[in-house]
Amino acid sequence: MIDDIYASRYVSLPSKEDAELERKLRELKFKQELRKDWISFLLKDVIVYSATVIFIFTVAGFYLFTLIQRY
């Protein structure tokens, strides 16, 4: 009976510590995923879309320049 009391006391402590470690691990994984999402957003949305807009303006500007040079 005394062994059961000590065993249950020792079992409950690691489970609380395990729960705390799992919570911290989940927080770290969430922050890592959030960081990946931000990097993906910056690469895909900011850099690619702005490069596309700059390319379109460059082509349109070159076309207008050639039209002006003809006349």
Protein backbone atom coordinates (compact mmCIF):
# COMPACT_ATOMS: atom_id res chain seq x y z
CA MET A 1 0.00 0.00 0.00
CA ILE A 2 2.81 2.43 0.84
CA ASP A 3 4.54 1.52 -2.41
CA ASP A 4 1.38 2.48 -4.32
CA ILE A 5 1.30 5.92 -2.68
CA TYR A 6 4.91 6.61 -3.58
CA ALA A 7 4.45 5.24 -7.07
CA SER A 8 1.38 7.37 -7.74
CA ARG A 9 3.14 10.46 -6.39
CA TYR A 10 6.15 9.89 -8.64
CA VAL A 11 3.97 9.10 -11.65
CA SER A 12 1.99 12.32 -11.32
CA LEU A 13 5.10 14.54 -11.22
CA PRO A 14 6.61 13.37 -14.51
CA SER A 15 3.21 13.54 -16.20
CA LYS A 16 2.92 17.22 -15.20
CA GLU A 17 6.46 17.81 -16.43
CA ASP A 18 5.69 15.90 -19.61
CA ALA A 19 2.58 17.98 -20.16
CA GLU A 20 4.60 21.16 -19.69
CA LEU A 21 7.31 19.96 -22.07
CA GLU A 22 4.70 18.95 -24.65
CA ARG A 23 3.07 22.38 -24.37
CA LYS A 24 6.43 24.07 -24.91
CA LEU A 25 7.16 21.76 -27.83
CA ARG A 26 3.81 22.62 -29.41
CA GLU A 27 4.54 26.34 -28.96
CA LEU A 28 7.95 25.93 -30.62
CA LYS A 29 6.43 23.99 -33.51
CA PHE A 30 3.76 26.67 -33.92
CA LYS A 31 6.38 29.43 -33.97
CA GLN A 32 8.42 27.44 -36.49
CA GLU A 33 5.40 26.99 -38.76
CA LEU A 34 4.56 30.67 -38.41
CA ARG A 35 8.13 31.57 -39.38
CA LYS A 36 7.92 29.26 -42.40
CA ASP A 37 4.63 30.87 -43.41
CA TRP A 38 6.16 34.34 -43.19
CA ILE A 39 9.17 33.31 -45.28
CA SER A 40 6.86 31.72 -47.84
CA PHE A 41 4.71 34.86 -47.86
CA LEU A 42 7.71 37.12 -48.36
CA LEU A 43 9.17 35.01 -51.14
CA LYS A 44 5.96 34.30 -52.98
CA ASP A 45 3.83 37.38 -52.50
CA VAL A 46 6.22 40.26 -52.00
CA ILE A 47 9.20 39.37 -54.18
CA VAL A 48 7.50 37.48 -57.02
CA TYR A 49 4.51 39.80 -57.35
CA SER A 50 6.61 42.96 -57.17
CA ALA A 51 9.04 41.53 -59.74
CA THR A 52 6.07 40.75 -61.99
CA VAL A 53 4.72 44.29 -61.68
CA ILE A 54 8.16 45.78 -62.38
CA PHE A 55 8.52 43.52 -65.42
CA ILE A 56 5.11 44.59 -66.76
CA PHE A 57 5.94 48.28 -66.27
CA THR A 58 9.32 47.77 -67.96
CA VAL A 59 7.75 46.09 -71.00
CA ALA A 60 5.03 48.76 -71.20
CA GLY A 61 7.63 51.53 -70.86
CA PHE A 62 9.79 50.00 -73.58
CA TYR A 63 6.74 49.70 -75.85
CA LEU A 64 5.81 53.35 -75.25
CA PHE A 65 9.43 54.39 -75.84
CA THR A 66 9.50 52.60 -79.20
CA LEU A 67 6.17 54.20 -80.17
CA ILE A 68 7.47 57.68 -79.30
CA GLN A 69 10.73 57.10 -81.21
CA ARG A 70 8.86 56.15 -84.40
CA TYR A 71 6.95 59.43 -84.60
